[in-house]
Every structure is written in structure tokens, then in C-alpha cells.
Amino acid sequence: MSTAEKFLQMGLAILLFVAVVAVVLLVAGRFKGRNGDRAVALAFLLPTALALGVGLVYPALRTIYFSFFDAQGQSFAGFDNYQQIFTDSDQLTVLRNTVLWVVITPFLATGIGLLYAILVDRAKFEKAAKALIFLPMAISFVGASIIWKFVYEYRPDQGSIKQIGLLNQLWTMVGGTPQQWLLNEPWNNLFLIIVMIWIQAGFAMTILSAAIKAIPDDITEAARLDGVGPIGMFRYITVPSIRPALVVVLTTIGIATLKVFDIVRTMTGGQFNTSVVANEFYSQTFSADNQGLGAALAVLLFVLVLPIVFYNIRQLRASEGR
């Protein structure tokens, strides 16, 4: 497809969007009163519901349907694809890695973000310090992965060859031999997880810092007058007061971690036993041409995310007193 054709398609898509909005506004403007409000709401909700149905519900149902078929999507295979996920050694490694990511990343990223938010709260250099740790959030996952590939870069320890990877340079300075950090199992998974923590700690710090600043001053002052020390202040005042924000941060980072793809794909391609569910779904569908297993992995990922989403919604409603 030529560039001109791509621009033409983009222009047609924009015109279609403008036409739909114009029709909705025209229809909504013809109704008055209480029934008019309902008509306006319906006029705006119908296109949204239609878009969700076409772009979300239908693909989800179709994915579930194909997860019960073979690699070519032609013969019915029942639960064979799901059985393979939980019995095949390679797929079990994928599940193990995913669990490792979900157990470590949200808690470490949230903990680092919380610690940082407390340490720089009301400090003279607060704005600069927060901007520094938030900066990785402005970088795409692929960009961050490329940066950390340079950090982990390996060169053989041969005479005058210099290490260009920061980690190997520091390691050789203290007398160690250069290591292939992204190849050595099982530590390579931990080095990939560090990249995700580096990115998400800034998000955690931003949300939790805002929550800490929202704690009423009279509560903290009363605690200080009662002789509560820094540790007691953190345990009995700060953490209970920002609990809803902590839940939101943990669950949001947990969902992002379950769906992690870019970091693994860019840094290792899922090789050396570093693949996770999202990357394996892509590999099986597009590289191995196993549509059935790829669809089953996509369904599994959807099922794993759902409980976290529901828990997050429940906690938000509880915090709002609903």
C-alpha cells in the first residue's frame, strides 16, 4: 500500500468520524425535555456500544471460539490447547515466568515509589527529585528496553576489549568476569523485571505522593503531639490513610505486568526461558502459526486479568462509600 493510499484511508476515517458525530448531534438536538435527555444519552451511547461490540466483544468471543480448535483453526480440538498450556514443559516455564513477574514487579515498584514519595515529601528539591524518577514513564517500553540492553551489554573478556555495558563495566572493576546477563538462567528474568520496575516506580510515586499530601494536617499533627515516631507515623497514619491509592497502584501495575510484552520481545525475544504469556501468545499465533494455542493463551491472559479488575472496581466503590 502506497503512502498516498494510507493518507486517503486516514482521511476517510476522519471524515467518517466527523459524520457520525454530526449525525448524533443532529438527532440529539431535535429532542427536548426529560425524554430529550434520554434520547441524547441514547444517541451518544449507541455508537459507543456499537464500537465496543465490534472492536472488543466480537473479537473476544471469536478468540474464545478458536481456542477450542487446532493449530490451523479448522478441526475441533476441545480442551487440548488448554491442557497443553498446563502440561507442556515449555508452557509451564512461561507460566512460571509470568507468576514471577506478577509476584515481584507490583510490590517492588509500589514499595520503591512509596519510599521515594515519603523521602522527598516537602523537601526543597522535591520537584526535581520527582521529575527524575518519573522520567522513565515518558519513555516507551521498547525505548526503555533498548536503553537497558546497553546497560546489560556483554563483550568477551579478551585483552584490550572494553566493556560498553554499564553493568559489566562495574562488575569487571570489582574483579568480576563479564557476564551475559540476559542469557544466564534464571537470573535473566530478574534482569528483565528490573526494567519494568524502573518504569513503573515513577507511576507509583506520583499517585502515592498525591495521596500522602491529601492526608489532613490535623491528623499528622495530633500523632506527633502524641509522640508517634517516624515508623509509627508510617505504619499507623500514612499507610491506612493512603490504602485506596495503594490498592489502585498495586492492581494497575499488576495488570500492566500480566500484559508485559514489549520488554521481553525487545530484549530476549522470549528465548533463554524468558517468555511470558503475552509474548508466548504472539509467538504461537504469528511465528509458530499455531492459532489454537495462541487463542488459548489470549483467553488465559484475559481470565488472569479479570479478578484484578473486579477487585479494583470493588475497592474503588468501597472507598467512595457505595
Protein backbone atom coordinates (compact mmCIF):
# COMPACT_ATOMS: atom_id res chain seq x y z
CA MET A 1 0.00 0.00 0.00
CA SER A 2 1.41 3.36 -1.08
CA THR A 3 1.74 6.41 1.15
CA ALA A 4 -1.00 8.21 -0.79
CA GLU A 5 -3.41 5.32 -0.20
CA LYS A 6 -2.62 5.34 3.53
CA PHE A 7 -3.31 9.07 3.76
CA LEU A 8 -6.53 8.54 1.80
CA GLN A 9 -7.69 5.86 4.26
CA MET A 10 -6.79 8.10 7.20
CA GLY A 11 -8.76 10.97 5.66
CA LEU A 12 -11.79 8.76 5.05
CA ALA A 13 -11.65 7.51 8.66
CA ILE A 14 -11.59 11.10 9.96
CA LEU A 15 -14.49 12.09 7.69
CA LEU A 16 -16.48 9.06 8.87
CA PHE A 17 -15.88 10.02 12.50
CA VAL A 18 -16.97 13.62 11.85
CA ALA A 19 -20.08 12.40 10.01
CA VAL A 20 -21.09 10.10 12.89
CA VAL A 21 -20.63 12.88 15.46
CA ALA A 22 -22.63 15.29 13.27
CA VAL A 23 -25.50 12.82 12.93
CA VAL A 24 -25.53 12.19 16.69
CA LEU A 25 -25.60 15.91 17.45
CA LEU A 26 -28.33 16.50 14.85
CA VAL A 27 -30.55 13.76 16.26
CA ALA A 28 -29.90 14.80 19.85
CA GLY A 29 -30.77 18.42 19.10
CA ARG A 30 -34.30 17.56 17.94
CA PHE A 31 -35.43 16.31 21.35
CA LYS A 32 -36.48 18.49 24.28
CA GLY A 33 -37.40 17.95 27.92
CA ARG A 34 -36.92 14.82 30.02
CA ASN A 35 -37.42 12.44 27.10
CA GLY A 36 -34.97 14.58 25.20
CA ASP A 37 -32.27 13.95 27.80
CA ARG A 38 -32.79 10.21 27.45
CA ALA A 39 -32.69 10.48 23.68
CA VAL A 40 -29.46 12.48 23.84
CA ALA A 41 -27.87 9.92 26.19
CA LEU A 42 -29.03 7.08 23.95
CA ALA A 43 -27.77 8.85 20.82
CA PHE A 44 -24.29 9.13 22.32
CA LEU A 45 -24.25 5.67 23.91
CA LEU A 46 -25.35 3.69 20.84
CA PRO A 47 -22.25 4.46 18.70
CA THR A 48 -20.04 3.69 21.71
CA ALA A 49 -21.84 0.41 22.37
CA LEU A 50 -21.59 -0.48 18.69
CA ALA A 51 -17.87 0.30 18.62
CA LEU A 52 -17.28 -1.78 21.77
CA GLY A 53 -19.26 -4.65 20.31
CA VAL A 54 -17.35 -4.65 17.03
CA GLY A 55 -13.92 -3.86 18.45
CA LEU A 56 -13.99 -5.71 21.78
CA VAL A 57 -16.87 -8.14 22.38
CA TYR A 58 -16.87 -9.81 18.95
CA PRO A 59 -13.05 -10.35 18.84
CA ALA A 60 -13.14 -11.71 22.41
CA LEU A 61 -15.87 -14.22 21.59
CA ARG A 62 -14.12 -15.19 18.37
CA THR A 63 -10.85 -15.74 20.26
CA ILE A 64 -12.60 -17.99 22.79
CA TYR A 65 -14.16 -19.90 19.90
CA PHE A 66 -10.84 -20.50 18.12
CA SER A 67 -9.14 -21.57 21.35
CA PHE A 68 -11.02 -24.89 21.01
CA PHE A 69 -9.59 -25.60 17.54
CA ASP A 70 -6.29 -26.97 16.25
CA ALA A 71 -3.27 -25.00 15.05
CA GLN A 72 -4.86 -24.22 11.67
CA GLY A 73 -8.22 -23.32 13.22
CA GLN A 74 -10.05 -26.00 11.20
CA SER A 75 -10.55 -29.10 13.36
CA PHE A 76 -12.24 -29.02 16.75
CA ALA A 77 -9.71 -29.90 19.46
CA GLY A 78 -11.73 -29.44 22.64
CA PHE A 79 -9.61 -28.53 25.65
CA ASP A 80 -6.36 -29.83 24.11
CA ASN A 81 -4.85 -26.34 23.85
CA TYR A 82 -5.60 -25.58 27.48
CA GLN A 83 -4.25 -28.98 28.51
CA GLN A 84 -1.03 -28.22 26.64
CA ILE A 85 -0.64 -24.92 28.49
CA PHE A 86 -0.71 -26.68 31.87
CA THR A 87 1.23 -29.84 30.94
CA ASP A 88 3.85 -28.93 28.32
CA SER A 89 7.23 -28.13 29.89
CA ASP A 90 7.80 -25.05 27.73
CA GLN A 91 4.37 -23.65 28.56
CA LEU A 92 4.87 -24.35 32.25
CA THR A 93 8.06 -22.29 32.06
CA VAL A 94 6.02 -19.47 30.52
CA LEU A 95 3.51 -19.68 33.39
CA ARG A 96 6.33 -19.77 35.96
CA ASN A 97 7.89 -16.65 34.47
CA THR A 98 4.54 -14.86 34.42
CA VAL A 99 3.95 -15.67 38.08
CA LEU A 100 7.45 -14.43 38.89
CA TRP A 101 6.76 -11.13 37.14
CA VAL A 102 3.40 -10.64 38.87
CA VAL A 103 4.71 -11.53 42.35
CA ILE A 104 7.80 -9.31 42.21
CA THR A 105 7.06 -6.31 39.99
CA PRO A 106 3.94 -4.70 41.55
CA PHE A 107 5.17 -4.95 45.12
CA LEU A 108 8.73 -3.76 44.45
CA ALA A 109 7.65 -0.94 42.13
CA THR A 110 4.99 0.21 44.62
CA GLY A 111 7.38 -0.10 47.56
CA ILE A 112 10.09 1.92 45.82
CA GLY A 113 7.56 4.53 44.72
CA LEU A 114 6.12 4.82 48.24
CA LEU A 115 9.54 5.08 49.87
CA TYR A 116 10.62 7.72 47.39
CA ALA A 117 7.38 9.70 47.83
CA ILE A 118 7.88 9.78 51.63
CA LEU A 119 11.56 10.70 51.46
CA VAL A 120 11.14 13.66 49.10
CA ASP A 121 7.82 14.89 50.54
CA ARG A 122 8.10 18.65 51.24
CA ALA A 123 11.84 18.62 50.56
CA LYS A 124 13.46 21.64 48.88
CA PHE A 125 14.40 19.59 45.83
CA GLU A 126 11.04 17.74 45.71
CA LYS A 127 10.06 18.78 42.17
CA ALA A 128 13.42 17.90 40.65
CA ALA A 129 13.60 14.59 42.53
CA LYS A 130 10.10 13.58 41.43
CA ALA A 131 10.80 14.57 37.83
CA LEU A 132 13.91 12.37 37.88
CA ILE A 133 12.11 9.18 38.93
CA PHE A 134 9.05 9.94 36.79
CA LEU A 135 11.15 10.40 33.65
CA PRO A 136 11.13 6.68 32.66
CA MET A 137 7.31 6.87 32.42
CA ALA A 138 7.77 9.19 29.44
CA ILE A 139 9.76 6.52 27.60
CA SER A 140 8.07 3.74 25.67
CA PHE A 141 8.61 0.16 26.79
CA VAL A 142 10.62 -0.52 23.64
CA GLY A 143 12.79 2.56 24.21
CA ALA A 144 13.39 1.57 27.84
CA SER A 145 14.27 -1.96 26.74
CA ILE A 146 16.86 -0.68 24.26
CA ILE A 147 18.40 1.52 26.95
CA TRP A 148 18.70 -1.43 29.34
CA LYS A 149 20.08 -3.68 26.61
CA PHE A 150 23.02 -1.29 26.50
CA VAL A 151 23.27 -1.49 30.30
CA TYR A 152 23.43 -5.31 30.11
CA GLU A 153 25.67 -5.39 27.01
CA TYR A 154 28.28 -8.16 27.07
CA ARG A 155 31.68 -8.42 25.41
CA PRO A 156 34.15 -11.29 25.86
CA ASP A 157 36.95 -10.66 28.34
CA GLN A 158 39.75 -10.69 25.80
CA GLY A 159 42.72 -8.44 26.30
CA SER A 160 42.05 -4.86 25.26
CA ILE A 161 38.33 -5.30 24.54
CA LYS A 162 36.45 -2.77 26.65
CA GLN A 163 33.03 -3.37 28.13
CA ILE A 164 30.44 -0.93 26.80
CA GLY A 165 27.69 -2.28 29.06
CA LEU A 166 27.44 -0.29 32.29
CA LEU A 167 26.73 -3.32 34.48
CA ASN A 168 29.61 -5.39 33.08
CA GLN A 169 31.95 -2.39 33.35
CA LEU A 170 31.12 -2.01 37.04
CA TRP A 171 31.35 -5.76 37.54
CA THR A 172 34.82 -6.00 35.99
CA MET A 173 36.00 -3.00 38.03
CA VAL A 174 35.45 -5.00 41.22
CA GLY A 175 37.29 -8.02 39.80
CA GLY A 176 34.45 -10.00 38.23
CA THR A 177 34.37 -11.52 34.78
CA PRO A 178 31.88 -10.19 32.19
CA GLN A 179 28.50 -11.90 32.34
CA GLN A 180 25.81 -12.45 29.72
CA TRP A 181 23.09 -11.12 31.99
CA LEU A 182 20.21 -11.78 29.57
CA LEU A 183 21.28 -15.35 28.80
CA ASN A 184 22.11 -16.77 32.23
CA GLU A 185 19.07 -18.58 33.68
CA PRO A 186 17.10 -17.99 35.84
CA TRP A 187 18.58 -14.61 36.69
CA ASN A 188 17.85 -13.23 33.23
CA ASN A 189 14.16 -13.00 34.17
CA LEU A 190 15.05 -10.84 37.17
CA PHE A 191 17.11 -8.50 34.98
CA LEU A 192 14.09 -8.08 32.69
CA ILE A 193 11.83 -7.42 35.68
CA ILE A 194 14.17 -4.61 36.79
CA VAL A 195 13.29 -2.73 33.60
CA MET A 196 9.57 -2.91 34.40
CA ILE A 197 10.18 -1.77 37.98
CA TRP A 198 12.30 1.14 36.70
CA ILE A 199 9.39 2.28 34.54
CA GLN A 200 6.52 1.72 36.97
CA ALA A 201 8.16 3.14 40.12
CA GLY A 202 7.57 6.65 38.77
CA PHE A 203 3.87 5.96 38.32
CA ALA A 204 3.61 4.58 41.85
CA MET A 205 5.49 7.56 43.27
CA THR A 206 3.20 10.08 41.54
CA ILE A 207 -0.08 8.54 42.73
CA LEU A 208 1.12 7.81 46.26
CA SER A 209 2.72 11.23 46.67
CA ALA A 210 -0.61 12.88 45.83
CA ALA A 211 -2.35 10.59 48.33
CA ILE A 212 0.18 11.43 51.06
CA LYS A 213 -0.30 15.16 50.50
CA ALA A 214 -4.08 14.66 50.84
CA ILE A 215 -3.73 13.38 54.42
CA PRO A 216 -5.23 16.08 56.70
CA ASP A 217 -2.59 18.05 58.61
CA ASP A 218 -4.55 17.84 61.86
CA ILE A 219 -4.20 14.03 61.86
CA THR A 220 -0.42 14.15 61.44
CA GLU A 221 -0.06 16.96 63.97
CA ALA A 222 -2.14 15.06 66.54
CA ALA A 223 0.02 11.98 66.01
CA ARG A 224 3.21 13.98 66.54
CA LEU A 225 1.82 15.53 69.73
CA ASP A 226 1.08 12.02 70.99
CA GLY A 227 4.75 11.16 70.50
CA VAL A 228 4.38 8.94 67.43
CA GLY A 229 7.77 8.45 65.75
CA PRO A 230 8.55 8.22 62.04
CA ILE A 231 8.00 4.45 61.87
CA GLY A 232 4.75 4.67 63.83
CA MET A 233 3.62 7.57 61.63
CA PHE A 234 4.21 5.47 58.55
CA ARG A 235 2.51 2.37 59.99
CA TYR A 236 -0.49 3.88 61.75
CA ILE A 237 -1.14 7.11 59.85
CA THR A 238 0.33 7.10 56.34
CA VAL A 239 -0.43 3.54 55.19
CA PRO A 240 -4.06 3.40 56.47
CA SER A 241 -4.77 6.85 55.01
CA ILE A 242 -3.47 6.01 51.53
CA ARG A 243 -4.74 2.41 51.42
CA PRO A 244 -7.17 3.04 48.50
CA ALA A 245 -4.34 4.60 46.48
CA LEU A 246 -2.06 1.66 47.32
CA VAL A 247 -4.69 -0.78 46.05
CA VAL A 248 -5.10 1.17 42.82
CA VAL A 249 -1.35 1.33 42.22
CA LEU A 250 -0.77 -2.35 43.01
CA THR A 251 -3.62 -3.57 40.81
CA THR A 252 -2.78 -1.22 37.94
CA ILE A 253 0.87 -2.29 37.89
CA GLY A 254 -0.27 -5.91 38.31
CA ILE A 255 -2.43 -5.69 35.19
CA ALA A 256 0.36 -3.99 33.23
CA THR A 257 2.76 -6.73 34.36
CA LEU A 258 0.42 -9.52 33.28
CA LYS A 259 0.27 -7.97 29.82
CA VAL A 260 4.01 -7.27 29.55
CA PHE A 261 5.21 -7.95 26.02
CA ASP A 262 7.47 -5.18 24.72
CA ILE A 263 10.29 -5.67 27.22
CA VAL A 264 10.57 -9.43 26.69
CA ARG A 265 10.17 -9.18 22.92
CA THR A 266 12.77 -6.43 22.54
CA MET A 267 15.43 -7.73 24.92
CA THR A 268 15.34 -11.53 24.51
CA GLY A 269 12.52 -12.37 22.11
CA GLY A 270 11.31 -14.84 24.72
CA GLN A 271 14.41 -17.00 24.30
CA PHE A 272 16.55 -18.46 27.09
CA ASN A 273 13.39 -19.35 29.08
CA THR A 274 12.26 -15.72 29.48
CA SER A 275 8.92 -15.86 27.65
CA VAL A 276 5.72 -14.78 29.40
CA VAL A 277 2.06 -15.35 28.49
CA ALA A 278 1.64 -12.21 26.36
CA ASN A 279 4.84 -12.87 24.41
CA GLU A 280 4.03 -16.56 24.02
CA PHE A 281 0.58 -15.68 22.68
CA TYR A 282 2.24 -13.53 20.00
CA SER A 283 4.89 -16.16 19.19
CA GLN A 284 2.44 -19.03 18.87
CA THR A 285 -0.02 -17.04 16.76
CA PHE A 286 2.31 -15.24 14.35
CA SER A 287 5.65 -17.08 14.46
CA ALA A 288 4.67 -20.72 15.05
CA ASP A 289 1.32 -20.29 13.22
CA ASN A 290 -0.46 -22.17 15.99
CA GLN A 291 -3.72 -20.23 16.10
CA GLY A 292 -5.44 -22.57 18.53
CA LEU A 293 -2.76 -22.41 21.22
CA GLY A 294 -2.30 -18.67 20.65
CA ALA A 295 -6.02 -18.09 21.17
CA ALA A 296 -6.00 -20.24 24.33
CA LEU A 297 -3.11 -18.20 25.73
CA ALA A 298 -5.00 -14.99 24.96
CA VAL A 299 -8.06 -16.33 26.80
CA LEU A 300 -5.87 -17.34 29.75
CA LEU A 301 -4.42 -13.83 29.88
CA PHE A 302 -7.94 -12.37 29.86
CA VAL A 303 -9.02 -14.69 32.68
CA LEU A 304 -5.97 -13.76 34.77
CA VAL A 305 -6.63 -10.04 34.40
CA LEU A 306 -10.36 -10.20 35.24
CA PRO A 307 -10.08 -10.89 39.01
CA ILE A 308 -7.70 -7.95 39.44
CA VAL A 309 -10.06 -5.65 37.54
CA PHE A 310 -13.07 -6.74 39.58
CA TYR A 311 -11.15 -6.35 42.84
CA ASN A 312 -10.02 -2.88 41.81
CA ILE A 313 -13.60 -1.83 40.99
CA ARG A 314 -14.85 -3.22 44.30
CA GLN A 315 -12.22 -1.33 46.28
CA LEU A 316 -12.96 1.92 44.44
CA ARG A 317 -16.65 1.58 45.20
CA ALA A 318 -15.89 0.81 48.84
CA SER A 319 -13.68 3.88 49.13
CA GLU A 320 -16.48 6.02 47.66
CA GLY A 321 -18.96 4.61 50.20
CA ARG A 322 -21.17 2.83 47.66
